[in-house]
Amino acid sequence: MTRIAGPSNSGARQVSKDHAASGRAAWSQSSSQPSPRLTLTPPTRFETLVLPHLDAAYSLARYLMRGADDARDATQEAMLKALKHVDQLRGDDARPWLLAIVRNTCRTMLGRRGGGDNEISFDEAVHGTDEAGHPESELIRKADQEAVHRALEQLPVAYREVLVLRELQDLSYKEIAEIAQVPIGTVMSRLARGRERLEQLLRVPGTGGGGR
């Protein structure tokens, strides 16, 4: 399956400067004398390790929330949470950590608004966990990217999130499992089922690829 192109990052750019400024301000107000044992103060750590992944954060929120305004709100809230809890980041790879915050923020917002999807049950013996040789991948590769986007937005959020994290963000199964808080086998099942549903939508006129 070809990589799904991300949505426009104009929404992410709107909040980028605000977060950089708010990070510096928040730290300067909370501690004028940072510990000499810290090699990076929290706002610098935030700006260095977290802010570079703002586009990825907005892209995930855009697919999960669907609407651009809701995606910006979710991204803003998630970035503020990341700034507040940046001391909990372990290591220097902030992208999975940040995307987990974005995912959870979107899920919470969808739940508050009644826009969350019902829990999906899986029979892995039926859906399988092997990605290789999926016949629907050929159709998806040939489909117009805009059609893929339209079809993707019609999938339940449980399918959307794993597809976006795998195909757009290029995360490993292990990273996706940690972000989605499900076993790796469930991640692979959702990917298989999500690709199948995506292929079906691309074959239906007016919903995805306009038929073949």
Protein backbone atom coordinates (compact mmCIF):
# COMPACT_ATOMS: atom_id res chain seq x y z
CA MET A 1 0.00 0.00 0.00
CA THR A 2 1.38 3.37 -0.96
CA ARG A 3 1.85 5.90 1.78
CA ILE A 4 -1.17 8.10 2.35
CA ALA A 5 -0.34 11.74 1.82
CA GLY A 6 -1.05 13.88 4.84
CA PRO A 7 -3.56 16.73 5.02
CA SER A 8 -2.46 20.33 4.70
CA ASN A 9 -0.32 21.42 7.63
CA SER A 10 -1.64 24.99 7.60
CA GLY A 11 -3.57 24.24 10.79
CA ALA A 12 -0.42 23.09 12.48
CA ARG A 13 1.49 26.18 11.41
CA GLN A 14 -1.15 28.39 13.06
CA VAL A 15 -0.33 27.05 16.50
CA SER A 16 3.42 26.46 16.10
CA LYS A 17 4.65 29.94 17.05
CA ASP A 18 2.18 30.16 19.92
CA HIS A 19 3.48 26.95 21.45
CA ALA A 20 7.10 27.99 21.15
CA ALA A 21 6.35 31.29 22.86
CA SER A 22 4.11 29.76 25.52
CA GLY A 23 6.75 27.17 26.30
CA ARG A 24 9.40 29.78 26.98
CA ALA A 25 6.99 31.93 28.98
CA ALA A 26 5.69 29.07 31.11
CA TRP A 27 9.16 27.98 32.11
CA SER A 28 10.51 31.46 32.75
CA GLN A 29 7.59 32.11 35.11
CA SER A 30 7.92 28.79 36.93
CA SER A 31 11.67 28.80 37.46
CA SER A 32 14.12 31.63 36.98
CA GLN A 33 16.97 29.46 38.30
CA PRO A 34 16.89 26.05 36.56
CA SER A 35 18.94 23.28 38.11
CA PRO A 36 22.51 23.08 36.78
CA ARG A 37 22.03 19.30 36.58
CA LEU A 38 19.58 19.74 33.70
CA THR A 39 21.27 19.67 30.31
CA LEU A 40 18.05 20.92 28.69
CA THR A 41 15.43 23.00 30.49
CA PRO A 42 11.81 21.81 29.90
CA PRO A 43 10.84 24.46 27.32
CA THR A 44 14.04 23.84 25.37
CA ARG A 45 13.41 20.11 25.54
CA PHE A 46 9.87 20.73 24.35
CA GLU A 47 10.99 22.96 21.51
CA THR A 48 13.83 20.64 20.50
CA LEU A 49 12.16 17.25 20.76
CA VAL A 50 8.38 17.81 20.63
CA LEU A 51 7.66 20.83 18.41
CA PRO A 52 9.30 19.28 15.32
CA HIS A 53 6.46 16.73 15.34
CA LEU A 54 3.67 19.31 15.37
CA ASP A 55 2.73 18.56 11.75
CA ALA A 56 2.47 14.84 12.55
CA ALA A 57 0.30 15.66 15.56
CA TYR A 58 -2.05 17.83 13.50
CA SER A 59 -2.19 15.25 10.71
CA LEU A 60 -3.32 12.53 13.12
CA ALA A 61 -5.86 14.85 14.74
CA ARG A 62 -7.16 15.90 11.32
CA TYR A 63 -7.97 12.31 10.41
CA LEU A 64 -9.41 11.38 13.80
CA MET A 65 -11.51 14.52 14.26
CA ARG A 66 -12.31 14.95 10.56
CA GLY A 67 -13.04 18.70 10.82
CA ALA A 68 -10.14 21.16 10.55
CA ASP A 69 -11.36 23.34 13.43
CA ASP A 70 -11.78 20.36 15.76
CA ALA A 71 -8.37 19.06 14.71
CA ARG A 72 -6.75 22.39 15.59
CA ASP A 73 -8.49 22.39 18.97
CA ALA A 74 -7.35 18.85 19.67
CA THR A 75 -3.80 19.60 18.57
CA GLN A 76 -3.69 22.73 20.71
CA GLU A 77 -4.91 20.83 23.77
CA ALA A 78 -2.52 17.95 23.14
CA MET A 79 0.48 20.24 22.71
CA LEU A 80 -0.33 22.03 25.95
CA LYS A 81 -0.49 18.66 27.71
CA ALA A 82 2.84 17.71 26.16
CA LEU A 83 4.39 20.97 27.35
CA LYS A 84 3.05 20.45 30.87
CA HIS A 85 4.26 16.85 31.08
CA VAL A 86 7.42 17.00 28.97
CA ASP A 87 9.41 15.84 31.99
CA GLN A 88 7.67 12.46 31.58
CA LEU A 89 9.19 11.96 28.14
CA ARG A 90 11.75 9.16 28.23
CA GLY A 91 14.55 9.28 25.70
CA ASP A 92 14.77 11.57 22.68
CA ASP A 93 12.14 10.06 20.36
CA ALA A 94 9.14 12.24 21.16
CA ARG A 95 6.96 11.38 18.15
CA PRO A 96 5.24 8.21 19.50
CA TRP A 97 4.88 9.86 22.91
CA LEU A 98 3.28 12.97 21.39
CA LEU A 99 1.02 10.99 19.05
CA ALA A 100 -0.24 8.98 22.01
CA ILE A 101 -1.25 12.26 23.69
CA VAL A 102 -2.94 13.45 20.49
CA ARG A 103 -4.78 10.15 20.07
CA ASN A 104 -6.03 10.16 23.66
CA THR A 105 -7.03 13.82 23.43
CA CYS A 106 -9.02 13.18 20.26
CA ARG A 107 -10.68 10.13 21.78
CA THR A 108 -11.68 12.16 24.85
CA MET A 109 -13.08 15.00 22.75
CA LEU A 110 -15.01 12.59 20.53
CA GLY A 111 -16.40 10.88 23.61
CA ARG A 112 -17.56 14.18 25.11
CA ARG A 113 -19.32 15.08 21.88
CA GLY A 114 -20.80 11.65 21.31
CA GLY A 115 -18.68 11.25 18.20
CA GLY A 116 -16.73 8.19 19.27
CA ASP A 117 -17.13 4.86 17.54
CA ASN A 118 -18.51 1.79 19.20
CA GLU A 119 -15.98 -0.78 20.34
CA ILE A 120 -15.06 -3.13 17.52
CA SER A 121 -14.74 -6.84 18.22
CA PHE A 122 -12.22 -8.88 16.26
CA ASP A 123 -11.84 -12.52 15.41
CA GLU A 124 -8.19 -12.70 14.43
CA ALA A 125 -8.71 -16.17 13.00
CA VAL A 126 -11.11 -14.56 10.51
CA HIS A 127 -9.39 -11.23 9.87
CA GLY A 128 -5.86 -12.57 10.14
CA THR A 129 -2.70 -10.81 11.25
CA ASP A 130 -0.48 -11.27 8.19
CA GLU A 131 -0.14 -8.13 6.07
CA ALA A 132 1.52 -9.81 3.11
CA GLY A 133 -0.37 -10.48 -0.10
CA HIS A 134 -3.52 -8.43 0.51
CA PRO A 135 -5.31 -8.17 -2.86
CA GLU A 136 -6.91 -4.85 -1.86
CA SER A 137 -3.48 -3.23 -1.74
CA GLU A 138 -3.28 -3.19 -5.54
CA LEU A 139 -6.52 -1.21 -5.82
CA ILE A 140 -5.43 1.21 -3.12
CA ARG A 141 -2.07 1.76 -4.85
CA LYS A 142 -3.86 2.69 -8.09
CA ALA A 143 -6.51 4.88 -6.46
CA ASP A 144 -6.37 8.66 -6.49
CA GLN A 145 -5.03 9.99 -3.19
CA GLU A 146 -8.01 12.31 -2.76
CA ALA A 147 -10.32 9.32 -3.18
CA VAL A 148 -8.29 7.42 -0.58
CA HIS A 149 -8.65 10.37 1.80
CA ARG A 150 -12.43 10.50 1.34
CA ALA A 151 -12.76 6.77 1.90
CA LEU A 152 -10.43 6.82 4.90
CA GLU A 153 -12.53 9.46 6.64
CA GLN A 154 -15.56 7.16 6.46
CA LEU A 155 -13.89 4.39 8.44
CA PRO A 156 -14.47 3.93 12.19
CA VAL A 157 -11.86 5.74 14.26
CA ALA A 158 -10.35 2.44 15.44
CA TYR A 159 -9.46 1.61 11.83
CA ARG A 160 -8.50 5.15 10.88
CA GLU A 161 -6.02 5.60 13.67
CA VAL A 162 -4.02 2.43 12.97
CA LEU A 163 -4.01 3.06 9.22
CA VAL A 164 -2.80 6.63 9.66
CA LEU A 165 -0.19 5.67 12.25
CA ARG A 166 1.12 2.86 10.04
CA GLU A 167 0.79 4.26 6.52
CA LEU A 168 1.22 7.98 7.15
CA GLN A 169 3.35 8.10 10.29
CA ASP A 170 5.26 4.90 9.44
CA LEU A 171 5.24 3.67 13.03
CA SER A 172 6.03 0.09 14.01
CA TYR A 173 3.39 -2.33 15.23
CA LYS A 174 4.86 -2.07 18.71
CA GLU A 175 4.64 1.73 18.72
CA ILE A 176 1.06 1.66 17.40
CA ALA A 177 0.09 -0.92 20.02
CA GLU A 178 1.46 1.33 22.77
CA ILE A 179 -0.32 4.39 21.39
CA ALA A 180 -3.66 2.64 20.85
CA GLN A 181 -3.29 0.69 24.10
CA VAL A 182 -4.11 -2.65 22.46
CA PRO A 183 -2.12 -5.84 21.79
CA ILE A 184 0.04 -6.03 18.66
CA GLY A 185 -2.23 -8.76 17.29
CA THR A 186 -5.19 -6.38 17.51
CA VAL A 187 -3.21 -3.70 15.68
CA MET A 188 -2.49 -6.11 12.84
CA SER A 189 -6.11 -7.25 12.76
CA ARG A 190 -7.36 -3.66 12.59
CA LEU A 191 -4.91 -2.89 9.81
CA ALA A 192 -6.09 -5.90 7.82
CA ARG A 193 -9.76 -5.12 8.40
CA GLY A 194 -9.25 -1.39 7.81
CA ARG A 195 -7.56 -2.02 4.47
CA GLU A 196 -10.38 -4.35 3.48
CA ARG A 197 -13.01 -1.73 4.36
CA LEU A 198 -11.00 0.96 2.57
CA GLU A 199 -10.87 -1.19 -0.55
CA GLN A 200 -14.63 -1.72 -0.40
CA LEU A 201 -15.26 2.02 -0.13
CA LEU A 202 -12.96 2.74 -3.05
CA ARG A 203 -15.08 0.43 -5.21
CA VAL A 204 -18.37 2.19 -4.37
CA PRO A 205 -19.25 5.14 -6.68
CA GLY A 206 -19.58 8.44 -4.85
CA THR A 207 -17.85 7.34 -1.64
CA GLY A 208 -14.27 6.87 -2.66
CA GLY A 209 -12.80 6.03 -6.00
CA GLY A 210 -15.97 6.24 -8.02
CA GLY A 211 -16.00 2.56 -8.90
CA ARG A 212 -13.80 0.52 -11.19
